[in-house]
C-alpha cells in the first residue's frame, strides 16, 4: 500500500513518515514547505497538484492544517481555504482516483465550549458522544472538514477514520499565565493525566486507522493518553485535583519535588480514549504512570520519536509576548 501524508513538514506529518519509512512502507509527503520528508511541495487547495500527488496512492493520511496558534496571524478565509477547501479537494480527488482509505487528523479543540465546566460543577467527561461547540475559527473549520469526511464516507463508500487528537506538540503552552507558573515539562506531565498524548502513540493510532478504515467504513475517535481517573473523581478534580492525584499516585509529590514541579490545582475536563482502544485496537504506552516511572529512573518521559522530531514551532517570527502571538 502506498500512503500519501499531507503536512509532512509539521510535527505529526514528519513523525508518521519517519515511522512508515522505518517499517519499510511506501509513503510520500506533501507540504507547502520543503523538508527532509516532503516529496511534493505545493498547496492542497491546488487541484491539479493534488491529483498528481495521488497517482498510484491507495491511502491518504491528512494532517495538514492551520492550527490554533495561527488565529492571530491568518484570516478566517485562510482557515477556510486550508482546513475546509483543502480537505474537500483531497476527498474529491481521492474518490476520483479510486482511493479507498482516508484518515483525517482532527483535534479535541473542536469540543470548544462543551469542555468548560462552570464553577462548582464536576470536571467534564469528554467522550465521542459530547456535541462540539467550537469557540474559534480553528474549531469551526475542523468540524466542517470532519463533516465533509463523513459525507464522503457515506456517499462514496470511502473508508474514513477521524482522529481527534489531544495536545502532543512539544512547544510551551499557548497560555502566558501557564507558561509563567509552570515549566513546559511540568505542564506536559500534568496534562498526560487528562488532555495530552505522546507523539509516538498518536502515530500508532494513525497507522492502525489506515489498516482499520476499510472495515470500520466511518469512525471518529478521541486520541489522548489513557486517564487514570473515573467519573467518580470528577467533582473533586474541579476543586482539588492534587488530592485526587495523590490518592491514585501516593509517591507523585516526592517525585515532582525532585524537579520542582507542582500539580495543577484544578482539572476542568477529562478526555476518554476507550472507544479508540476498543475499536482500533490502540494501546497507548505513555501516560502519567510512565512519567512517574521515568522521574524515578532519572530519564526523559518523552518518546524517542518526539525527541527525533523536535520542536518546530508554528511561525517563522519570534513574538514579543512569547512563542505565540496574542489573539
C-alpha atoms as a PDB file:
ATOM      1  CA  UNK A   1       0.000   0.000   0.000  1.00  0.00           C
ATOM      2  CA  UNK A   2       1.323   3.420  -0.985  1.00  0.00           C
ATOM      3  CA  UNK A   3       0.391   6.169   1.504  1.00  0.00           C
ATOM      4  CA  UNK A   4       0.320   9.933   0.966  1.00  0.00           C
ATOM      5  CA  UNK A   5       0.825  12.050   4.102  1.00  0.00           C
ATOM      6  CA  UNK A   6      -0.105  15.734   3.990  1.00  0.00           C
ATOM      7  CA  UNK A   7       1.595  18.209   6.311  1.00  0.00           C
ATOM      8  CA  UNK A   8       4.914  16.382   6.030  1.00  0.00           C
ATOM      9  CA  UNK A   9       6.932  19.356   7.307  1.00  0.00           C
ATOM     10  CA  UNK A  10       4.908  19.507  10.530  1.00  0.00           C
ATOM     11  CA  UNK A  11       5.375  17.649  13.811  1.00  0.00           C
ATOM     12  CA  UNK A  12       2.883  14.876  13.150  1.00  0.00           C
ATOM     13  CA  UNK A  13       3.404  14.534   9.406  1.00  0.00           C
ATOM     14  CA  UNK A  14       7.130  14.059   9.850  1.00  0.00           C
ATOM     15  CA  UNK A  15       6.619  11.632  12.732  1.00  0.00           C
ATOM     16  CA  UNK A  16       4.223   9.497  10.686  1.00  0.00           C
ATOM     17  CA  UNK A  17       6.567   9.438   7.710  1.00  0.00           C
ATOM     18  CA  UNK A  18       9.553   8.557   9.898  1.00  0.00           C
ATOM     19  CA  UNK A  19       7.599   5.623  11.303  1.00  0.00           C
ATOM     20  CA  UNK A  20       6.200   4.404   7.980  1.00  0.00           C
ATOM     21  CA  UNK A  21       9.601   4.510   6.329  1.00  0.00           C
ATOM     22  CA  UNK A  22      11.181   2.726   9.307  1.00  0.00           C
ATOM     23  CA  UNK A  23       8.625  -0.037   8.746  1.00  0.00           C
ATOM     24  CA  UNK A  24       9.642  -0.257   5.078  1.00  0.00           C
ATOM     25  CA  UNK A  25       6.285   1.015   3.837  1.00  0.00           C
ATOM     26  CA  UNK A  26       5.780   3.116   0.720  1.00  0.00           C
ATOM     27  CA  UNK A  27       4.968   6.665   1.767  1.00  0.00           C
ATOM     28  CA  UNK A  28       5.308  10.172   0.370  1.00  0.00           C
ATOM     29  CA  UNK A  29       4.928  13.582   1.972  1.00  0.00           C
ATOM     30  CA  UNK A  30       3.139  16.715   0.789  1.00  0.00           C
ATOM     31  CA  UNK A  31       3.564  20.214   2.242  1.00  0.00           C
ATOM     32  CA  UNK A  32       3.776  23.852   1.241  1.00  0.00           C
ATOM     33  CA  UNK A  33       7.208  23.882   2.910  1.00  0.00           C
ATOM     34  CA  UNK A  34      10.306  21.969   1.889  1.00  0.00           C
ATOM     35  CA  UNK A  35      11.592  19.438   4.411  1.00  0.00           C
ATOM     36  CA  UNK A  36      13.521  16.199   4.579  1.00  0.00           C
ATOM     37  CA  UNK A  37      10.184  14.367   4.492  1.00  0.00           C
ATOM     38  CA  UNK A  38       8.430  16.430   1.798  1.00  0.00           C
ATOM     39  CA  UNK A  39       8.371  14.796  -1.633  1.00  0.00           C
ATOM     40  CA  UNK A  40       5.823  17.174  -3.207  1.00  0.00           C
ATOM     41  CA  UNK A  41       5.878  20.915  -2.451  1.00  0.00           C
ATOM     42  CA  UNK A  42       2.568  22.649  -3.090  1.00  0.00           C
ATOM     43  CA  UNK A  43      -0.836  23.552  -1.728  1.00  0.00           C
ATOM     44  CA  UNK A  44      -3.607  21.046  -1.049  1.00  0.00           C
ATOM     45  CA  UNK A  45      -6.034  23.645  -2.425  1.00  0.00           C
ATOM     46  CA  UNK A  46      -4.408  23.231  -5.867  1.00  0.00           C
ATOM     47  CA  UNK A  47      -6.487  20.521  -7.527  1.00  0.00           C
ATOM     48  CA  UNK A  48      -4.041  19.674 -10.305  1.00  0.00           C
ATOM     49  CA  UNK A  49      -1.181  19.419  -7.814  1.00  0.00           C
ATOM     50  CA  UNK A  50      -3.221  17.123  -5.554  1.00  0.00           C
ATOM     51  CA  UNK A  51      -4.302  14.966  -8.488  1.00  0.00           C
ATOM     52  CA  UNK A  52      -0.688  14.408  -9.488  1.00  0.00           C
ATOM     53  CA  UNK A  53       0.322  13.585  -5.913  1.00  0.00           C
ATOM     54  CA  UNK A  54      -2.391  10.936  -5.623  1.00  0.00           C
ATOM     55  CA  UNK A  55      -1.210   8.863  -8.590  1.00  0.00           C
ATOM     56  CA  UNK A  56      -0.553   5.257  -7.531  1.00  0.00           C
ATOM     57  CA  UNK A  57      -1.644   6.029  -3.959  1.00  0.00           C
ATOM     58  CA  UNK A  58      -4.014   3.746  -2.043  1.00  0.00           C
ATOM     59  CA  UNK A  59      -4.409   5.658   1.232  1.00  0.00           C
ATOM     60  CA  UNK A  60      -4.250   9.251   2.483  1.00  0.00           C
ATOM     61  CA  UNK A  61      -3.318  10.499   5.947  1.00  0.00           C
ATOM     62  CA  UNK A  62      -4.380  14.137   6.057  1.00  0.00           C
ATOM     63  CA  UNK A  63      -2.582  16.027   8.850  1.00  0.00           C
ATOM     64  CA  UNK A  64      -2.044  19.380   7.064  1.00  0.00           C
ATOM     65  CA  UNK A  65      -3.901  22.219   8.767  1.00  0.00           C
ATOM     66  CA  UNK A  66      -3.798  25.731  10.120  1.00  0.00           C
ATOM     67  CA  UNK A  67      -3.670  25.448  13.916  1.00  0.00           C
ATOM     68  CA  UNK A  68      -4.942  27.497  16.837  1.00  0.00           C
ATOM     69  CA  UNK A  69      -1.630  29.443  17.107  1.00  0.00           C
ATOM     70  CA  UNK A  70      -2.288  30.740  13.571  1.00  0.00           C
ATOM     71  CA  UNK A  71      -5.525  32.526  14.531  1.00  0.00           C
ATOM     72  CA  UNK A  72      -3.767  35.822  15.254  1.00  0.00           C
ATOM     73  CA  UNK A  73      -1.652  35.715  12.083  1.00  0.00           C
ATOM     74  CA  UNK A  74      -4.102  34.326   9.497  1.00  0.00           C
ATOM     75  CA  UNK A  75      -7.546  35.376   8.350  1.00  0.00           C
ATOM     76  CA  UNK A  76     -10.747  33.408   8.724  1.00  0.00           C
ATOM     77  CA  UNK A  77     -10.631  32.880   4.964  1.00  0.00           C
ATOM     78  CA  UNK A  78      -7.153  31.373   5.263  1.00  0.00           C
ATOM     79  CA  UNK A  79      -8.542  28.817   7.707  1.00  0.00           C
ATOM     80  CA  UNK A  80     -11.453  28.029   5.404  1.00  0.00           C
ATOM     81  CA  UNK A  81      -9.152  27.708   2.391  1.00  0.00           C
ATOM     82  CA  UNK A  82      -6.695  25.327   4.058  1.00  0.00           C
ATOM     83  CA  UNK A  83      -8.796  23.391   6.546  1.00  0.00           C
ATOM     84  CA  UNK A  84     -12.056  23.117   4.611  1.00  0.00           C
ATOM     85  CA  UNK A  85     -11.393  23.667   0.903  1.00  0.00           C
ATOM     86  CA  UNK A  86      -8.099  21.781   1.015  1.00  0.00           C
ATOM     87  CA  UNK A  87      -9.791  18.810   2.671  1.00  0.00           C
ATOM     88  CA  UNK A  88     -12.579  18.892   0.080  1.00  0.00           C
ATOM     89  CA  UNK A  89     -10.075  18.826  -2.793  1.00  0.00           C
ATOM     90  CA  UNK A  90      -8.279  15.864  -1.249  1.00  0.00           C
ATOM     91  CA  UNK A  91     -11.536  13.961  -0.711  1.00  0.00           C
ATOM     92  CA  UNK A  92     -12.842  14.620  -4.207  1.00  0.00           C
ATOM     93  CA  UNK A  93      -9.591  13.661  -5.884  1.00  0.00           C
ATOM     94  CA  UNK A  94      -9.173  10.615  -3.654  1.00  0.00           C
ATOM     95  CA  UNK A  95     -12.591   9.318  -4.715  1.00  0.00           C
ATOM     96  CA  UNK A  96     -11.923  10.133  -8.373  1.00  0.00           C
ATOM     97  CA  UNK A  97      -8.636   8.223  -8.191  1.00  0.00           C
ATOM     98  CA  UNK A  98     -10.219   5.169  -6.579  1.00  0.00           C
ATOM     99  CA  UNK A  99      -8.529   5.549  -3.194  1.00  0.00           C
ATOM    100  CA  UNK A 100     -10.330   3.525  -0.526  1.00  0.00           C
ATOM    101  CA  UNK A 101      -8.792   4.772   2.720  1.00  0.00           C
ATOM    102  CA  UNK A 102      -8.697   8.277   4.214  1.00  0.00           C
ATOM    103  CA  UNK A 103      -7.510   9.186   7.718  1.00  0.00           C
ATOM    104  CA  UNK A 104      -8.199  12.720   8.886  1.00  0.00           C
ATOM    105  CA  UNK A 105      -6.355  14.321  11.808  1.00  0.00           C
ATOM    106  CA  UNK A 106      -8.769  16.455  13.782  1.00  0.00           C
ATOM    107  CA  UNK A 107      -8.483  17.865  17.280  1.00  0.00           C
ATOM    108  CA  UNK A 108     -10.114  17.777  20.697  1.00  0.00           C
ATOM    109  CA  UNK A 109     -10.243  21.578  20.354  1.00  0.00           C
ATOM    110  CA  UNK A 110     -13.407  21.006  18.332  1.00  0.00           C
ATOM    111  CA  UNK A 111     -15.273  20.383  21.598  1.00  0.00           C
ATOM    112  CA  UNK A 112     -14.691  24.029  22.473  1.00  0.00           C
ATOM    113  CA  UNK A 113     -17.173  25.415  24.991  1.00  0.00           C
ATOM    114  CA  UNK A 114     -18.555  21.927  25.646  1.00  0.00           C
ATOM    115  CA  UNK A 115     -15.390  21.272  27.681  1.00  0.00           C
ATOM    116  CA  UNK A 116     -15.795  24.163  30.099  1.00  0.00           C
ATOM    117  CA  UNK A 117     -17.194  23.214  33.489  1.00  0.00           C
ATOM    118  CA  UNK A 118     -18.833  26.037  35.403  1.00  0.00           C
ATOM    119  CA  UNK A 119     -17.516  26.834  38.904  1.00  0.00           C
ATOM    120  CA  UNK A 120     -18.810  24.263  41.343  1.00  0.00           C
ATOM    121  CA  UNK A 121     -19.640  21.720  38.658  1.00  0.00           C
ATOM    122  CA  UNK A 122     -17.715  18.444  38.168  1.00  0.00           C
ATOM    123  CA  UNK A 123     -14.978  18.188  35.531  1.00  0.00           C
ATOM    124  CA  UNK A 124     -16.464  17.456  32.103  1.00  0.00           C
ATOM    125  CA  UNK A 125     -16.182  13.850  30.931  1.00  0.00           C
ATOM    126  CA  UNK A 126     -15.365  14.085  27.209  1.00  0.00           C
ATOM    127  CA  UNK A 127     -16.276  11.138  25.009  1.00  0.00           C
ATOM    128  CA  UNK A 128     -17.219  10.938  21.343  1.00  0.00           C
ATOM    129  CA  UNK A 129     -20.853  11.413  22.368  1.00  0.00           C
ATOM    130  CA  UNK A 130     -20.268  15.004  23.519  1.00  0.00           C
ATOM    131  CA  UNK A 131     -21.537  17.537  20.962  1.00  0.00           C
ATOM    132  CA  UNK A 132     -18.806  20.031  19.973  1.00  0.00           C
ATOM    133  CA  UNK A 133     -19.367  23.753  20.489  1.00  0.00           C
ATOM    134  CA  UNK A 134     -16.424  25.366  18.621  1.00  0.00           C
ATOM    135  CA  UNK A 135     -15.055  28.570  20.152  1.00  0.00           C
ATOM    136  CA  UNK A 136     -12.992  29.902  17.249  1.00  0.00           C
ATOM    137  CA  UNK A 137     -12.351  29.621  13.511  1.00  0.00           C
ATOM    138  CA  UNK A 138      -9.924  26.746  14.089  1.00  0.00           C
ATOM    139  CA  UNK A 139     -12.590  24.613  15.735  1.00  0.00           C
ATOM    140  CA  UNK A 140     -15.254  25.644  13.237  1.00  0.00           C
ATOM    141  CA  UNK A 141     -13.146  24.656  10.238  1.00  0.00           C
ATOM    142  CA  UNK A 142     -12.003  21.361  11.746  1.00  0.00           C
ATOM    143  CA  UNK A 143     -15.638  20.385  12.410  1.00  0.00           C
ATOM    144  CA  UNK A 144     -16.566  21.406   8.852  1.00  0.00           C
ATOM    145  CA  UNK A 145     -13.765  19.222   7.489  1.00  0.00           C
ATOM    146  CA  UNK A 146     -14.907  16.317   9.686  1.00  0.00           C
ATOM    147  CA  UNK A 147     -18.407  16.676   8.261  1.00  0.00           C
ATOM    148  CA  UNK A 148     -17.046  16.584   4.716  1.00  0.00           C
ATOM    149  CA  UNK A 149     -15.163  13.391   5.564  1.00  0.00           C
ATOM    150  CA  UNK A 150     -18.310  11.808   6.951  1.00  0.00           C
ATOM    151  CA  UNK A 151     -20.318  12.804   3.888  1.00  0.00           C
ATOM    152  CA  UNK A 152     -17.752  11.218   1.550  1.00  0.00           C
ATOM    153  CA  UNK A 153     -17.680   8.058   3.643  1.00  0.00           C
ATOM    154  CA  UNK A 154     -21.438   7.669   3.434  1.00  0.00           C
ATOM    155  CA  UNK A 155     -21.973   8.894  -0.133  1.00  0.00           C
ATOM    156  CA  UNK A 156     -18.952   7.362  -1.856  1.00  0.00           C
ATOM    157  CA  UNK A 157     -18.038   4.382   0.313  1.00  0.00           C
ATOM    158  CA  UNK A 158     -14.658   5.865   1.207  1.00  0.00           C
ATOM    159  CA  UNK A 159     -13.217   4.233   4.333  1.00  0.00           C
ATOM    160  CA  UNK A 160     -12.737   7.183   6.680  1.00  0.00           C
ATOM    161  CA  UNK A 161     -11.345   7.427  10.202  1.00  0.00           C
ATOM    162  CA  UNK A 162     -11.267  10.762  12.019  1.00  0.00           C
ATOM    163  CA  UNK A 163      -8.823  11.066  14.915  1.00  0.00           C
ATOM    164  CA  UNK A 164      -9.493  13.874  17.369  1.00  0.00           C
ATOM    165  CA  UNK A 165      -6.053  14.215  18.900  1.00  0.00           C
ATOM    166  CA  UNK A 166      -5.357  15.988  22.159  1.00  0.00           C
ATOM    167  CA  UNK A 167      -2.185  18.020  22.707  1.00  0.00           C
ATOM    168  CA  UNK A 168       1.052  16.439  21.523  1.00  0.00           C
ATOM    169  CA  UNK A 169       3.129  19.450  20.439  1.00  0.00           C
ATOM    170  CA  UNK A 170       6.444  19.902  22.318  1.00  0.00           C
ATOM    171  CA  UNK A 171       6.311  23.700  22.499  1.00  0.00           C
ATOM    172  CA  UNK A 172       5.458  25.649  25.646  1.00  0.00           C
ATOM    173  CA  UNK A 173       1.795  26.279  26.463  1.00  0.00           C
ATOM    174  CA  UNK A 174      -0.027  28.954  24.479  1.00  0.00           C
ATOM    175  CA  UNK A 175      -1.403  30.443  27.717  1.00  0.00           C
ATOM    176  CA  UNK A 176       1.030  33.047  29.066  1.00  0.00           C
ATOM    177  CA  UNK A 177      -0.261  32.550  32.637  1.00  0.00           C
ATOM    178  CA  UNK A 178       0.502  28.824  32.499  1.00  0.00           C
ATOM    179  CA  UNK A 179       3.929  29.456  30.938  1.00  0.00           C
ATOM    180  CA  UNK A 180       4.750  31.871  33.729  1.00  0.00           C
ATOM    181  CA  UNK A 181       3.879  29.453  36.524  1.00  0.00           C
ATOM    182  CA  UNK A 182       4.982  26.024  35.245  1.00  0.00           C
ATOM    183  CA  UNK A 183       7.876  24.730  33.169  1.00  0.00           C
ATOM    184  CA  UNK A 184       6.940  23.089  29.847  1.00  0.00           C
ATOM    185  CA  UNK A 185       7.840  19.554  31.062  1.00  0.00           C
ATOM    186  CA  UNK A 186       5.776  20.100  34.218  1.00  0.00           C
ATOM    187  CA  UNK A 187       2.754  21.202  32.172  1.00  0.00           C
ATOM    188  CA  UNK A 188       3.068  18.303  29.775  1.00  0.00           C
ATOM    189  CA  UNK A 189       3.468  15.755  32.564  1.00  0.00           C
ATOM    190  CA  UNK A 190       0.332  17.083  34.284  1.00  0.00           C
ATOM    191  CA  UNK A 191      -1.610  17.083  31.024  1.00  0.00           C
ATOM    192  CA  UNK A 192      -0.944  13.393  30.410  1.00  0.00           C
ATOM    193  CA  UNK A 193      -3.496  12.820  33.172  1.00  0.00           C
ATOM    194  CA  UNK A 194      -6.368  14.239  31.149  1.00  0.00           C
ATOM    195  CA  UNK A 195      -5.621  16.211  27.940  1.00  0.00           C
ATOM    196  CA  UNK A 196      -2.333  15.187  26.288  1.00  0.00           C
ATOM    197  CA  UNK A 197      -0.993  12.307  24.241  1.00  0.00           C
ATOM    198  CA  UNK A 198       2.573  11.359  23.366  1.00  0.00           C
ATOM    199  CA  UNK A 199       3.537  11.683  19.705  1.00  0.00           C
ATOM    200  CA  UNK A 200       4.566   8.040  19.301  1.00  0.00           C
ATOM    201  CA  UNK A 201       1.114   6.954  20.469  1.00  0.00           C
ATOM    202  CA  UNK A 202      -0.542   9.403  18.053  1.00  0.00           C
ATOM    203  CA  UNK A 203       1.445   7.931  15.167  1.00  0.00           C
ATOM    204  CA  UNK A 204       0.476   4.400  16.186  1.00  0.00           C
ATOM    205  CA  UNK A 205      -3.187   5.455  16.149  1.00  0.00           C
ATOM    206  CA  UNK A 206      -2.858   6.814  12.601  1.00  0.00           C
ATOM    207  CA  UNK A 207      -1.178   3.671  11.298  1.00  0.00           C
ATOM    208  CA  UNK A 208      -3.850   1.491  12.920  1.00  0.00           C
ATOM    209  CA  UNK A 209      -6.511   3.737  11.393  1.00  0.00           C
ATOM    210  CA  UNK A 210      -5.098   3.142   7.911  1.00  0.00           C
ATOM    211  CA  UNK A 211      -5.387  -0.597   8.455  1.00  0.00           C
ATOM    212  CA  UNK A 212      -8.861  -0.480  10.022  1.00  0.00           C
ATOM    213  CA  UNK A 213     -10.579   2.202   7.914  1.00  0.00           C
ATOM    214  CA  UNK A 214     -11.913  -0.082   5.128  1.00  0.00           C
ATOM    215  CA  UNK A 215     -13.551  -2.344   7.728  1.00  0.00           C
ATOM    216  CA  UNK A 216     -14.785   0.449  10.005  1.00  0.00           C
ATOM    217  CA  UNK A 217     -16.182   2.393   6.987  1.00  0.00           C
ATOM    218  CA  UNK A 218     -16.563   5.517   9.143  1.00  0.00           C
ATOM    219  CA  UNK A 219     -15.323   6.196  12.660  1.00  0.00           C
ATOM    220  CA  UNK A 220     -14.467   9.134  14.884  1.00  0.00           C
ATOM    221  CA  UNK A 221     -12.158   8.663  17.873  1.00  0.00           C
ATOM    222  CA  UNK A 222     -10.577  10.640  20.706  1.00  0.00           C
ATOM    223  CA  UNK A 223      -6.822  10.086  20.781  1.00  0.00           C
ATOM    224  CA  UNK A 224      -5.462  11.004  24.207  1.00  0.00           C
ATOM    225  CA  UNK A 225      -3.383   9.295  26.868  1.00  0.00           C
ATOM    226  CA  UNK A 226      -5.344   6.834  28.978  1.00  0.00           C
ATOM    227  CA  UNK A 227      -6.605   8.703  32.027  1.00  0.00           C
ATOM    228  CA  UNK A 228      -6.362   7.128  35.486  1.00  0.00           C
ATOM    229  CA  UNK A 229      -9.500   8.998  36.556  1.00  0.00           C
ATOM    230  CA  UNK A 230     -13.042   7.663  36.753  1.00  0.00           C
ATOM    231  CA  UNK A 231     -16.318   9.544  36.645  1.00  0.00           C
ATOM    232  CA  UNK A 232     -16.393   9.305  40.416  1.00  0.00           C
ATOM    233  CA  UNK A 233     -13.363  11.645  40.517  1.00  0.00           C
ATOM    234  CA  UNK A 234     -14.998  14.422  38.524  1.00  0.00           C
ATOM    235  CA  UNK A 235     -16.276  16.580  41.373  1.00  0.00           C
ATOM    236  CA  UNK A 236     -13.001  16.658  43.311  1.00  0.00           C
ATOM    237  CA  UNK A 237     -10.906  17.120  40.163  1.00  0.00           C
ATOM    238  CA  UNK A 238     -12.518  20.508  39.652  1.00  0.00           C
ATOM    239  CA  UNK A 239     -11.953  21.591  43.258  1.00  0.00           C
ATOM    240  CA  UNK A 240      -8.791  19.774  44.438  1.00  0.00           C
ATOM    241  CA  UNK A 241      -7.008  17.912  41.648  1.00  0.00           C
ATOM    242  CA  UNK A 242      -3.783  17.316  43.666  1.00  0.00           C
ATOM    243  CA  UNK A 243      -5.740  15.346  46.259  1.00  0.00           C
ATOM    244  CA  UNK A 244      -7.165  13.031  43.586  1.00  0.00           C
ATOM    245  CA  UNK A 245      -3.730  12.516  42.046  1.00  0.00           C
ATOM    246  CA  UNK A 246      -2.196  11.834  45.479  1.00  0.00           C
ATOM    247  CA  UNK A 247      -4.812   9.151  46.166  1.00  0.00           C
ATOM    248  CA  UNK A 248      -4.035   7.413  42.868  1.00  0.00           C
ATOM    249  CA  UNK A 249      -0.256   8.021  42.922  1.00  0.00           C
ATOM    250  CA  UNK A 250       0.910   8.385  46.549  1.00  0.00           C
ATOM    251  CA  UNK A 251       4.552   8.994  45.545  1.00  0.00           C
ATOM    252  CA  UNK A 252       3.894  11.658  42.917  1.00  0.00           C
ATOM    253  CA  UNK A 253       4.578  14.662  45.194  1.00  0.00           C
ATOM    254  CA  UNK A 254       8.003  13.397  46.160  1.00  0.00           C
ATOM    255  CA  UNK A 255       8.920  12.678  42.547  1.00  0.00           C
ATOM    256  CA  UNK A 256       7.582  16.054  41.430  1.00  0.00           C
ATOM    257  CA  UNK A 257       9.517  17.818  44.203  1.00  0.00           C
ATOM    258  CA  UNK A 258      12.765  16.461  42.788  1.00  0.00           C
ATOM    259  CA  UNK A 259      12.066  18.521  39.650  1.00  0.00           C
ATOM    260  CA  UNK A 260      10.448  21.464  41.476  1.00  0.00           C
ATOM    261  CA  UNK A 261       7.187  20.618  39.745  1.00  0.00           C
ATOM    262  CA  UNK A 262       3.644  21.091  41.035  1.00  0.00           C
ATOM    263  CA  UNK A 263       0.232  19.717  40.078  1.00  0.00           C
ATOM    264  CA  UNK A 264      -2.487  21.941  38.650  1.00  0.00           C
ATOM    265  CA  UNK A 265      -4.957  22.910  41.397  1.00  0.00           C
ATOM    266  CA  UNK A 266      -7.972  22.247  39.161  1.00  0.00           C
ATOM    267  CA  UNK A 267      -8.760  19.980  36.194  1.00  0.00           C
ATOM    268  CA  UNK A 268     -11.826  21.012  34.212  1.00  0.00           C
ATOM    269  CA  UNK A 269     -12.147  18.177  31.669  1.00  0.00           C
ATOM    270  CA  UNK A 270     -11.049  14.594  31.048  1.00  0.00           C
ATOM    271  CA  UNK A 271     -10.629  13.104  27.567  1.00  0.00           C
ATOM    272  CA  UNK A 272     -11.664   9.458  27.397  1.00  0.00           C
ATOM    273  CA  UNK A 273      -9.966   7.188  24.825  1.00  0.00           C
ATOM    274  CA  UNK A 274     -11.834   3.922  25.479  1.00  0.00           C
ATOM    275  CA  UNK A 275     -13.567   3.800  22.073  1.00  0.00           C
ATOM    276  CA  UNK A 276     -10.261   4.114  20.201  1.00  0.00           C
ATOM    277  CA  UNK A 277      -8.725   1.384  22.313  1.00  0.00           C
ATOM    278  CA  UNK A 278     -11.690  -0.903  21.704  1.00  0.00           C
ATOM    279  CA  UNK A 279     -12.379  -0.323  18.002  1.00  0.00           C
ATOM    280  CA  UNK A 280      -8.907   0.499  16.678  1.00  0.00           C
ATOM    281  CA  UNK A 281      -7.055  -1.867  18.993  1.00  0.00           C
ATOM    282  CA  UNK A 282      -4.943   1.131  20.016  1.00  0.00           C
ATOM    283  CA  UNK A 283      -2.701   0.600  23.038  1.00  0.00           C
ATOM    284  CA  UNK A 284      -1.072   3.892  24.093  1.00  0.00           C
ATOM    285  CA  UNK A 285       2.096   3.368  26.096  1.00  0.00           C
ATOM    286  CA  UNK A 286       2.701   6.824  27.519  1.00  0.00           C
ATOM    287  CA  UNK A 287       0.657   8.040  30.476  1.00  0.00           C
ATOM    288  CA  UNK A 288       1.112   9.683  33.881  1.00  0.00           C
ATOM    289  CA  UNK A 289       2.309   6.436  35.466  1.00  0.00           C
ATOM    290  CA  UNK A 290       5.021   6.281  32.805  1.00  0.00           C
ATOM    291  CA  UNK A 291       6.038   9.858  33.664  1.00  0.00           C
ATOM    292  CA  UNK A 292       6.487   8.919  37.316  1.00  0.00           C
ATOM    293  CA  UNK A 293       8.474   5.826  36.360  1.00  0.00           C
ATOM    294  CA  UNK A 294      10.839   7.991  34.305  1.00  0.00           C
ATOM    295  CA  UNK A 295      11.195  10.540  37.092  1.00  0.00           C
ATOM    296  CA  UNK A 296      12.164   7.736  39.459  1.00  0.00           C
ATOM    297  CA  UNK A 297      14.772   6.482  36.988  1.00  0.00           C
ATOM    298  CA  UNK A 298      16.033   9.948  36.032  1.00  0.00           C
ATOM    299  CA  UNK A 299      15.091   9.521  32.358  1.00  0.00           C
ATOM    300  CA  UNK A 300      13.196  11.615  29.811  1.00  0.00           C
ATOM    301  CA  UNK A 301       9.495  10.739  29.694  1.00  0.00           C
ATOM    302  CA  UNK A 302       9.142  11.820  26.065  1.00  0.00           C
ATOM    303  CA  UNK A 303       9.155   9.124  23.400  1.00  0.00           C
ATOM    304  CA  UNK A 304      12.256   8.670  21.205  1.00  0.00           C
ATOM    305  CA  UNK A 305      10.124   9.786  18.251  1.00  0.00           C
ATOM    306  CA  UNK A 306       9.256  13.085  19.950  1.00  0.00           C
ATOM    307  CA  UNK A 307      12.927  13.744  20.586  1.00  0.00           C
ATOM    308  CA  UNK A 308      13.824  12.930  16.972  1.00  0.00           C
ATOM    309  CA  UNK A 309      11.207  15.276  15.503  1.00  0.00           C
ATOM    310  CA  UNK A 310      11.936  18.046  17.998  1.00  0.00           C
ATOM    311  CA  UNK A 311      10.279  21.430  18.241  1.00  0.00           C
ATOM    312  CA  UNK A 312       9.201  23.130  15.018  1.00  0.00           C
ATOM    313  CA  UNK A 313       7.025  25.996  16.202  1.00  0.00           C
ATOM    314  CA  UNK A 314       4.150  27.380  14.162  1.00  0.00           C
ATOM    315  CA  UNK A 315       5.600  30.669  12.918  1.00  0.00           C
ATOM    316  CA  UNK A 316       8.849  31.874  11.426  1.00  0.00           C
ATOM    317  CA  UNK A 317       8.572  35.023  13.559  1.00  0.00           C
ATOM    318  CA  UNK A 318       9.585  35.461  17.214  1.00  0.00           C
ATOM    319  CA  UNK A 319       6.883  37.331  19.125  1.00  0.00           C
ATOM    320  CA  UNK A 320       7.473  39.747  21.962  1.00  0.00           C
ATOM    321  CA  UNK A 321       4.896  38.156  24.274  1.00  0.00           C
ATOM    322  CA  UNK A 322       6.099  34.559  23.811  1.00  0.00           C
ATOM    323  CA  UNK A 323       6.082  31.693  21.301  1.00  0.00           C
ATOM    324  CA  UNK A 324       2.569  32.569  20.110  1.00  0.00           C
ATOM    325  CA  UNK A 325       1.058  35.920  19.118  1.00  0.00           C
ATOM    326  CA  UNK A 326      -1.870  37.241  21.145  1.00  0.00           C
ATOM    327  CA  UNK A 327      -5.270  36.724  19.541  1.00  0.00           C
END
